[in-house]
N, C-alpha and C. Protein backbone atom coordinates (compact mmCIF):
# COMPACT_ATOMS: atom_id res chain seq x y z
N UNK A 1 -80.98 60.10 1.70
CA UNK A 1 -81.63 58.90 1.68
C UNK A 1 -82.55 58.58 2.83
N UNK A 2 -83.66 57.81 3.20
CA UNK A 2 -84.35 57.96 4.08
C UNK A 2 -83.69 57.00 5.15
N UNK A 3 -84.33 56.88 5.39
CA UNK A 3 -83.63 55.13 7.00
C UNK A 3 -85.01 54.98 8.15
N UNK A 4 -85.46 53.90 8.21
CA UNK A 4 -85.81 54.05 9.48
C UNK A 4 -84.93 54.78 11.15
N UNK A 5 -85.88 54.99 11.61
CA UNK A 5 -84.74 55.09 12.84
C UNK A 5 -85.69 55.13 14.85
N UNK A 6 -84.55 54.18 15.02
CA UNK A 6 -85.86 54.21 16.63
C UNK A 6 -84.13 53.86 17.75
N UNK A 7 -84.20 53.83 18.94
CA UNK A 7 -83.66 53.59 19.20
C UNK A 7 -84.03 51.42 20.37
N UNK A 8 -83.23 51.94 21.06
CA UNK A 8 -82.92 50.34 21.91
C UNK A 8 -83.71 50.03 22.86
N UNK A 9 -84.09 51.74 23.80
CA UNK A 9 -84.37 51.38 24.78
C UNK A 9 -86.05 51.41 24.62
N UNK A 10 -86.44 52.06 23.57
CA UNK A 10 -88.25 52.10 23.07
C UNK A 10 -88.66 52.29 22.07
N UNK A 11 -88.74 49.92 21.98
CA UNK A 11 -89.24 49.17 20.97
C UNK A 11 -90.10 49.58 20.20
N UNK A 12 -91.06 51.01 21.90
CA UNK A 12 -91.89 50.23 20.57
C UNK A 12 -92.73 52.17 20.30
N UNK A 13 -91.56 52.92 19.92
CA UNK A 13 -91.42 53.56 18.87
C UNK A 13 -92.65 54.38 19.77
N UNK A 14 -92.67 55.10 21.22
CA UNK A 14 -93.30 55.89 21.58
C UNK A 14 -93.39 57.93 21.10
N UNK A 15 -91.53 57.44 21.49
CA UNK A 15 -90.87 58.72 21.52
C UNK A 15 -90.72 59.15 19.94
N UNK A 16 -90.46 60.48 19.62
CA UNK A 16 -89.39 60.57 18.68
C UNK A 16 -88.10 60.14 19.50
N UNK A 17 -87.13 58.93 18.21
CA UNK A 17 -86.02 58.83 19.05
C UNK A 17 -84.59 59.81 18.72
N UNK A 18 -85.32 61.26 17.72
CA UNK A 18 -83.94 62.24 18.27
C UNK A 18 -84.84 63.26 18.07
N UNK A 19 -83.86 64.46 17.16
CA UNK A 19 -84.66 65.25 17.19
C UNK A 19 -85.04 65.55 16.03
N UNK A 20 -84.64 64.92 14.79
CA UNK A 20 -84.64 65.24 13.47
C UNK A 20 -85.56 64.55 12.80
N UNK A 21 -85.74 62.97 13.36
CA UNK A 21 -86.60 61.36 13.09
C UNK A 21 -88.59 63.06 13.47
N UNK A 22 -89.13 62.20 11.68
CA UNK A 22 -90.26 62.10 12.23
C UNK A 22 -90.94 61.33 11.72
N UNK A 23 -92.21 61.44 12.37
CA UNK A 23 -93.11 60.16 12.63
C UNK A 23 -93.47 59.05 10.49
N UNK A 24 -93.91 58.70 9.91
CA UNK A 24 -94.10 58.31 8.79
C UNK A 24 -94.88 56.77 8.74
N UNK A 25 -96.34 56.55 9.68
CA UNK A 25 -96.35 55.64 9.40
C UNK A 25 -96.87 54.99 10.56
N UNK A 26 -95.74 53.26 10.75
CA UNK A 26 -96.18 52.79 11.63
C UNK A 26 -94.58 53.72 12.21
N UNK A 27 -93.93 53.73 12.33
CA UNK A 27 -92.06 53.77 11.93
C UNK A 27 -91.80 55.61 11.34
N UNK A 28 -90.41 55.92 12.37
CA UNK A 28 -89.82 57.01 12.24
C UNK A 28 -89.00 56.74 11.35
N UNK A 29 -88.32 57.97 10.68
CA UNK A 29 -87.61 58.00 9.84
C UNK A 29 -87.32 59.18 9.73
N UNK A 30 -85.79 59.31 9.16
CA UNK A 30 -84.23 60.37 8.91
C UNK A 30 -83.99 60.39 7.72
N UNK A 31 -83.73 62.00 7.62
CA UNK A 31 -83.78 62.40 5.93
C UNK A 31 -81.17 62.02 6.25
N UNK A 32 -80.67 60.58 5.43
CA UNK A 32 -79.00 61.12 5.70
C UNK A 32 -78.67 61.67 5.02
N UNK A 33 -77.85 62.14 3.73
CA UNK A 33 -77.51 62.51 2.91
C UNK A 33 -75.93 62.23 2.82
N UNK A 34 -75.22 62.50 4.27
CA UNK A 34 -73.83 62.35 4.13
C UNK A 34 -73.62 60.91 4.38
N UNK A 35 -72.34 60.83 5.07
CA UNK A 35 -71.00 60.48 5.77
C UNK A 35 -71.21 61.43 7.12
N UNK A 36 -71.16 62.60 6.65
CA UNK A 36 -71.10 63.66 8.23
C UNK A 36 -72.15 64.02 8.63
N UNK A 37 -73.34 63.21 7.94
CA UNK A 37 -74.92 64.02 8.34
C UNK A 37 -74.58 62.44 9.75
N UNK A 38 -74.48 60.75 9.15
CA UNK A 38 -74.38 60.19 10.07
C UNK A 38 -73.93 60.30 11.56
N UNK A 39 -72.02 61.00 10.64
CA UNK A 39 -71.23 61.46 12.53
C UNK A 39 -72.10 61.52 13.41
N UNK A 40 -72.73 62.76 12.88
CA UNK A 40 -73.36 64.35 13.53
C UNK A 40 -74.39 64.19 13.87
N UNK A 41 -75.30 62.58 14.00
CA UNK A 41 -76.44 62.01 14.42
C UNK A 41 -75.76 61.36 15.81
N UNK A 42 -74.73 60.66 15.13
CA UNK A 42 -73.61 60.62 16.87
C UNK A 42 -73.24 61.29 17.16
N UNK A 43 -73.07 62.70 17.27
CA UNK A 43 -72.69 62.62 17.79
C UNK A 43 -73.21 63.63 18.74
N UNK A 44 -74.70 63.07 17.96
CA UNK A 44 -76.03 64.28 19.00
C UNK A 44 -76.97 63.25 19.47
N UNK A 45 -77.22 62.13 19.66
CA UNK A 45 -77.35 61.47 20.38
C UNK A 45 -76.36 61.33 21.39
N UNK A 46 -74.68 61.00 21.39
CA UNK A 46 -74.13 60.24 22.57
C UNK A 46 -74.04 59.55 22.40
N UNK A 47 -73.89 58.32 21.57
CA UNK A 47 -74.56 57.28 21.28
C UNK A 47 -73.81 56.28 20.45
N UNK A 48 -73.67 54.62 20.99
CA UNK A 48 -73.61 54.59 18.78
C UNK A 48 -74.76 53.91 17.82
N UNK A 49 -74.55 53.87 16.39
CA UNK A 49 -75.16 53.53 15.93
C UNK A 49 -75.10 52.60 15.15
N UNK A 50 -76.22 51.12 14.99
CA UNK A 50 -75.72 50.30 13.76
C UNK A 50 -77.11 50.25 13.05
N UNK A 51 -76.67 50.42 12.15
CA UNK A 51 -77.53 51.05 10.71
C UNK A 51 -77.08 48.98 10.38
N UNK A 52 -79.27 48.89 9.80
CA UNK A 52 -78.56 47.57 9.32
C UNK A 52 -80.25 48.19 8.05
N UNK A 53 -80.35 46.16 8.22
CA UNK A 53 -82.46 46.78 7.05
C UNK A 53 -82.81 46.52 8.27
N UNK A 54 -84.40 47.59 7.94
CA UNK A 54 -85.23 47.50 9.30
C UNK A 54 -86.31 46.25 9.04
N UNK A 55 -86.21 45.79 9.89
CA UNK A 55 -87.59 45.02 9.69
C UNK A 55 -88.94 45.52 9.71
N UNK A 56 -90.00 46.68 9.89
CA UNK A 56 -90.80 47.13 9.85
C UNK A 56 -91.45 47.54 8.36
N UNK A 57 -89.94 48.66 7.33
CA UNK A 57 -90.13 48.78 6.21
C UNK A 57 -88.75 47.75 5.16
N UNK A 58 -89.49 47.08 5.34
CA UNK A 58 -88.03 46.28 4.19
C UNK A 58 -88.09 47.70 3.26
N UNK A 59 -88.39 47.90 2.60
CA UNK A 59 -86.92 48.90 1.28
C UNK A 59 -86.59 50.39 1.87
N UNK A 60 -86.37 50.20 3.55
CA UNK A 60 -85.44 50.90 3.95
C UNK A 60 -84.45 50.63 4.14
N UNK A 61 -83.47 50.87 3.99
CA UNK A 61 -82.78 50.21 5.67
C UNK A 61 -83.15 51.36 6.70
N UNK A 62 -82.05 51.17 8.39
CA UNK A 62 -82.44 51.31 9.48
C UNK A 62 -81.23 51.57 10.28
N UNK A 63 -81.06 52.71 11.30
CA UNK A 63 -80.60 53.21 11.81
C UNK A 63 -81.81 52.93 13.17
N UNK A 64 -80.72 52.03 14.30
CA UNK A 64 -80.91 52.28 16.14
C UNK A 64 -80.34 53.00 16.53
N UNK A 65 -79.98 53.53 17.71
CA UNK A 65 -79.60 54.45 18.29
C UNK A 65 -79.56 53.50 19.67
N UNK A 66 -78.48 53.09 19.58
CA UNK A 66 -78.17 51.40 21.10
C UNK A 66 -77.47 52.63 22.41
N UNK A 67 -78.84 52.27 22.94
CA UNK A 67 -78.64 52.91 23.84
C UNK A 67 -78.70 52.23 25.10
N UNK A 68 -78.88 50.99 25.11
CA UNK A 68 -78.95 50.21 26.04
C UNK A 68 -79.20 48.99 25.00
N UNK A 69 -78.46 48.30 26.63
CA UNK A 69 -78.16 47.15 25.62
C UNK A 69 -79.73 45.79 25.51
N UNK A 70 -78.87 44.83 24.59
CA UNK A 70 -79.78 44.31 24.17
C UNK A 70 -78.90 42.90 23.82
N UNK A 71 -79.94 41.96 23.77
CA UNK A 71 -79.68 40.73 23.64
C UNK A 71 -79.99 40.58 22.16
């Protein structure tokens, strides 16, 4: 399944949020096929992940790498 992905600390999306992220138009995306893939991503980033609805791409779910505080 394809997800948009971003880091809390980089709302502008200037840099790839993780090694597996690929640029798709205006946002970064990642393929996550299994729960194990999602847990591997969490372990690789060392941060909590927030899974939700994408703001930019309404047809895809999103993953936010929660690497800094936000309100």
